[in-house]
Protein backbone atom coordinates (compact mmCIF):
# COMPACT_ATOMS: atom_id res chain seq x y z
CA MET A 1 -4.60 6.21 16.50
CA PRO A 2 -0.93 7.25 16.19
CA ILE A 3 1.45 4.92 14.33
CA ALA A 4 3.64 4.64 17.44
CA LEU A 5 0.71 3.22 19.39
CA LEU A 6 0.04 0.70 16.64
CA GLN A 7 3.65 -0.48 16.88
CA SER A 8 3.32 -1.08 20.60
CA LEU A 9 0.07 -2.96 20.10
CA PHE A 10 1.71 -5.28 17.62
CA SER A 11 4.57 -6.13 19.93
CA ALA A 12 2.07 -8.24 21.83
CA SER A 13 1.22 -11.77 20.74
CA ARG A 14 -2.45 -10.91 20.51
CA ALA A 15 -2.01 -8.47 17.63
CA GLY A 16 -4.11 -10.51 15.22
CA PHE A 17 -6.88 -10.75 17.81
CA PHE A 18 -6.75 -6.98 18.23
CA ILE A 19 -7.31 -6.46 14.48
CA GLY A 20 -10.26 -8.81 14.46
CA ILE A 21 -11.93 -7.18 17.44
CA MET A 22 -11.24 -3.72 16.05
CA ALA A 23 -12.74 -4.60 12.68
CA LEU A 24 -15.83 -6.20 14.17
CA ALA A 25 -16.41 -3.34 16.57
CA CYS A 26 -16.06 -0.66 13.91
CA SER A 27 -18.26 -2.57 11.48
CA ALA A 28 -20.98 -3.39 13.97
CA SER A 29 -21.30 -0.09 15.74
CA GLY A 30 -20.33 2.43 13.08
CA LEU A 31 -17.58 3.96 15.20
CA ALA A 32 -15.90 7.22 14.25
CA TYR A 33 -14.02 7.48 10.98
CA GLY A 34 -10.62 7.47 12.69
CA ALA A 35 -11.14 4.10 14.37
CA THR A 36 -12.10 2.35 11.13
CA ALA A 37 -9.35 4.10 9.16
CA ASP A 38 -6.77 2.65 11.57
CA ILE A 39 -7.69 -0.94 10.71
CA CYS A 40 -5.60 -1.03 7.52
CA ASP A 41 -2.57 0.44 9.30
CA ALA A 42 -2.89 -2.16 12.05
CA ALA A 43 -3.03 -4.97 9.50
CA ALA A 44 -0.10 -3.48 7.58
CA ALA A 45 2.02 -3.30 10.74
CA ARG A 46 1.26 -6.92 11.60
CA ALA A 47 1.96 -8.14 8.05
CA SER A 48 5.23 -6.19 8.03
CA ALA A 49 6.37 -7.80 11.28
CA GLU A 50 5.57 -11.26 9.94
CA SER A 51 6.92 -10.90 6.40
CA GLY A 52 9.82 -8.47 6.62
CA VAL A 53 8.28 -6.12 4.08
CA PRO A 54 9.09 -2.61 5.32
CA ARG A 55 6.19 -1.16 7.27
CA ASP A 56 6.34 2.14 5.39
CA VAL A 57 6.00 0.26 2.09
CA LEU A 58 2.77 -1.40 3.21
CA LEU A 59 1.45 1.81 4.77
CA ALA A 60 2.11 3.67 1.52
CA ILE A 61 0.58 0.92 -0.63
CA THR A 62 -2.69 0.82 1.32
CA ARG A 63 -2.96 4.62 1.04
CA THR A 64 -2.14 4.57 -2.66
CA GLU A 65 -4.84 1.95 -3.13
CA THR A 66 -7.65 3.20 -0.88
CA GLY A 67 -6.54 6.49 0.65
CA ARG A 68 -8.95 9.39 0.94
CA THR A 69 -9.20 12.55 2.98
CA ARG A 70 -11.84 12.86 5.68
CA GLU A 71 -11.87 14.84 8.90
CA GLY A 72 -8.62 16.48 7.83
CA ARG A 73 -6.75 13.19 7.57
CA PHE A 74 -5.54 11.16 4.61
CA ALA A 75 -5.96 7.48 5.50
CA PRO A 76 -6.78 4.08 3.99
CA TRP A 77 -10.18 2.43 4.26
CA PRO A 78 -10.80 -1.32 4.71
CA TRP A 79 -14.34 -1.56 3.30
CA THR A 80 -13.57 -0.64 -0.30
CA VAL A 81 -14.54 -2.23 -3.59
CA ASN A 82 -13.53 -1.24 -7.10
CA LEU A 83 -15.77 -2.71 -9.78
CA ALA A 84 -15.32 -1.89 -13.47
CA GLY A 85 -13.43 1.30 -12.69
CA LYS A 86 -15.92 2.56 -10.14
CA GLY A 87 -14.61 2.74 -6.58
CA ARG A 88 -16.80 2.69 -3.49
CA TRP A 89 -15.92 3.29 0.14
CA PHE A 90 -18.58 1.57 2.26
CA GLN A 91 -19.49 2.44 5.83
CA SER A 92 -19.23 -1.16 7.04
CA ARG A 93 -17.71 -4.50 6.19
CA GLU A 94 -21.19 -5.98 5.77
CA GLU A 95 -22.15 -3.40 3.15
CA ALA A 96 -18.91 -3.91 1.21
CA LEU A 97 -19.22 -7.69 1.32
CA ALA A 98 -22.86 -7.61 0.24
CA TYR A 99 -21.96 -5.39 -2.72
CA ALA A 100 -19.07 -7.61 -3.84
CA THR A 101 -21.06 -10.80 -3.35
CA ARG A 102 -23.96 -9.42 -5.35
CA ALA A 103 -21.61 -8.34 -8.15
CA HIS A 104 -20.04 -11.80 -8.19
CA GLY A 105 -23.49 -13.35 -8.39
CA ASP A 106 -24.23 -11.13 -11.38
CA GLY A 107 -21.16 -12.50 -13.14
CA ALA A 108 -18.48 -9.94 -12.27
CA ARG A 109 -15.01 -11.34 -11.68
CA SER A 110 -12.64 -8.39 -12.05
CA PHE A 111 -13.16 -6.42 -8.86
CA ASP A 112 -10.78 -5.31 -6.11
CA VAL A 113 -11.42 -5.51 -2.39
CA GLY A 114 -10.06 -4.44 0.96
CA CYS A 115 -7.17 -2.44 2.35
CA PHE A 116 -4.80 -3.51 -0.41
CA GLN A 117 -7.37 -3.84 -3.21
CA ILE A 118 -6.71 -7.49 -3.99
CA ASN A 119 -8.24 -8.42 -7.33
CA TYR A 120 -10.69 -11.31 -7.27
CA ARG A 121 -10.05 -12.47 -10.84
CA TRP A 122 -6.31 -12.83 -10.42
CA HIS A 123 -5.96 -13.77 -6.75
CA ASN A 124 -9.15 -15.40 -5.44
CA GLN A 125 -7.56 -18.86 -5.47
CA HIS A 126 -5.44 -17.79 -2.51
CA PHE A 127 -8.48 -17.11 -0.31
CA GLU A 128 -11.26 -19.34 0.99
CA SER A 129 -13.96 -16.89 -0.01
CA ILE A 130 -14.76 -13.28 -0.89
CA GLU A 131 -15.49 -12.74 2.79
CA ARG A 132 -11.97 -13.86 3.69
CA MET A 133 -10.52 -11.50 1.10
CA PHE A 134 -12.09 -8.63 3.04
CA ASP A 135 -10.41 -9.68 6.28
CA PRO A 136 -7.90 -6.84 6.83
CA LEU A 137 -5.12 -9.07 8.12
CA GLU A 138 -5.50 -11.74 5.42
CA ASN A 139 -5.67 -8.98 2.81
CA ALA A 140 -2.48 -7.41 4.17
CA ARG A 141 -0.66 -10.71 4.52
CA TYR A 142 -1.36 -11.62 0.92
CA ALA A 143 -0.25 -8.17 -0.26
CA ALA A 144 2.98 -8.62 1.70
CA ARG A 145 3.63 -12.03 0.12
CA PHE A 146 2.95 -10.64 -3.32
CA LEU A 147 5.26 -7.66 -2.73
CA THR A 148 7.97 -10.00 -1.43
CA ARG A 149 7.89 -11.94 -4.69
CA LEU A 150 7.98 -8.74 -6.71
CA HIS A 151 10.89 -7.42 -4.66
CA ALA A 152 12.80 -10.64 -5.33
CA GLU A 153 12.19 -10.07 -9.04
CA PHE A 154 12.96 -6.35 -9.23
CA GLY A 155 15.33 -5.87 -6.29
CA ASP A 156 13.71 -2.57 -5.30
CA TRP A 157 10.62 -1.80 -3.22
CA SER A 158 9.57 1.11 -5.40
CA LYS A 159 9.72 -1.01 -8.55
CA ALA A 160 7.89 -3.78 -6.70
CA ALA A 161 5.15 -1.28 -5.83
CA GLY A 162 4.84 -0.29 -9.48
CA ALA A 163 4.51 -3.92 -10.56
CA TYR A 164 1.96 -4.48 -7.78
CA HIS A 165 -0.18 -2.04 -9.69
CA SER A 166 0.63 -2.98 -13.28
CA ARG A 167 3.21 -4.65 -15.51
CA THR A 168 2.62 -1.93 -18.08
CA GLN A 169 5.51 0.50 -17.66
CA THR A 170 3.50 3.68 -18.14
CA HIS A 171 0.99 2.75 -15.45
CA ALA A 172 3.64 1.34 -13.12
CA THR A 173 5.75 4.51 -13.36
CA ARG A 174 2.81 6.76 -12.59
CA TYR A 175 1.79 4.59 -9.64
CA ARG A 176 5.36 4.55 -8.31
CA ALA A 177 5.49 8.34 -8.33
CA ARG A 178 2.40 8.53 -6.19
CA PHE A 179 3.55 5.70 -3.94
CA GLU A 180 6.89 7.43 -3.32
CA ARG A 181 5.21 10.75 -2.61
CA ILE A 182 2.98 9.15 0.02
CA ARG A 183 5.88 7.15 1.45
CA LYS A 184 7.98 10.29 1.78
CA ARG A 185 5.20 12.13 3.57
CA LEU A 186 4.72 9.24 5.97
CA ALA A 187 8.44 9.29 6.76
CA GLY A 188 8.08 12.98 7.59
CA GLY A 189 5.13 12.34 9.87
CA ASP A 190 2.69 13.97 7.47
CA ASP A 191 -0.50 11.90 7.35
CA GLU A 192 -2.62 14.65 5.83
CA ALA A 193 -4.10 14.64 2.37
CA VAL A 194 -1.82 14.19 -0.59
CA GLY A 195 -2.69 16.35 -3.57
CA PRO A 196 -4.61 14.82 -6.47
CA VAL A 197 -2.70 13.07 -9.21
CA THR A 198 -3.55 13.11 -12.90
CA VAL A 199 -3.76 9.57 -14.20
CA THR A 200 -4.32 7.83 -17.49
CA ARG A 201 -7.28 5.73 -18.43
CA ARG A 202 -7.49 2.09 -17.38
CA PRO A 203 -5.40 -0.46 -19.34
CA ALA A 204 -7.01 -1.50 -22.61
CA GLU A 205 -7.89 -5.00 -21.48
CA GLU A 206 -10.09 -3.60 -18.70
CA ALA A 207 -11.32 -0.43 -20.38
CA ARG A 208 -13.90 -2.45 -22.25
CA GLU A 209 -15.50 -3.42 -18.95
CA ALA A 210 -15.46 0.03 -17.40
CA THR A 211 -18.57 2.13 -17.18
CA VAL A 212 -17.61 5.76 -16.69
CA ARG A 213 -20.21 7.69 -14.76
CA ALA A 214 -20.41 10.22 -11.95
CA ASN A 215 -20.25 8.72 -8.47
CA SER A 216 -22.53 10.30 -5.89
CA TYR A 217 -21.88 7.78 -3.12
CA PRO A 218 -21.93 9.85 0.08
CA LEU A 219 -18.65 8.50 1.47
CA LEU A 220 -16.76 9.13 -1.75
CA GLN A 221 -15.20 12.51 -1.02
CA ARG A 222 -11.93 12.10 -2.88
CA ALA A 223 -10.45 9.45 -5.16
CA GLU A 224 -6.68 9.25 -4.81
CA ALA A 225 -5.65 6.25 -6.88
CA VAL A 226 -5.23 4.72 -10.29
CA GLY A 227 -7.47 2.18 -11.98
CA ARG A 228 -6.18 -1.32 -12.69
CA ARG A 229 -6.65 -4.77 -11.27
CA GLY A 230 -6.03 -3.52 -7.75
CA SER A 231 -6.45 0.24 -7.35
CA LEU A 232 -9.45 2.46 -6.96
CA VAL A 233 -10.99 4.64 -9.65
CA PRO A 234 -9.12 6.85 -12.10
CA LEU A 235 -9.48 10.55 -11.43
CA VAL A 236 -9.76 11.59 -15.03
CA ALA A 237 -10.72 10.16 -18.40
CA ARG A 238 -9.96 12.10 -21.54
CA GLY A 239 -9.30 15.16 -19.41
CA ARG A 240 -12.63 15.01 -17.59
CA ALA A 241 -12.87 14.39 -13.85
CA LEU A 242 -14.77 11.23 -13.00
CA ILE A 243 -15.36 12.05 -9.35
CA PRO A 244 -15.83 15.42 -7.66
CA LEU A 245 -12.69 16.18 -5.71
CA GLY A 246 -14.38 18.51 -3.23
CA ASP A 247 -12.04 21.35 -4.13
CA GLY A 248 -13.80 22.82 -7.12
CA SER A 249 -12.30 20.40 -9.63
């Protein structure tokens, strides 16, 4: 669905209802990739209109967090979970929720969910439940509030994006570079795949929890983000690719 069409949809008062129906329909019937991929953009557009956070900032953040290339298109994905450095893109909301709920029941607390990869350990108190964290609009609204606070602190959306990822300067700088590259491509109307980025290992406080292993999940075609309390899996560790990139890497 083109971005221009999303804008027109959100000019109506029933925009939130549209997101809910879209999410339920895609989850229940397994609609085409493109329909589900549009859910995060729809939520981002709505959250932008409500919060004043620039729409391109939210669109770039959700792609930096969950973007992947399928069917020739680089787009975010709402049914994502990152647990202990291992990212998964699930086919449906039910599958993603079941996975996160099971992990929580097994004692996991540091895992990231949804379009904007909100971390349960650090942010769950702002949601009624794990299920509500997966709601695309609630996920986007919280991300927008968080970015608003960071912008007030740093006075710059790019710096706010870096802090959204990490307070560690090295990780924030690397994330910002990717965020800005995606943001620039969106401004130019280029929604195709963004080339892979070389990233560092996870921060030390979370590296102890990470289990590095090959991921053969069928939907996981390309990982395009950095590991922390909010992004999907690292692409490399000690110079070795963690996930096949589908291009011979």
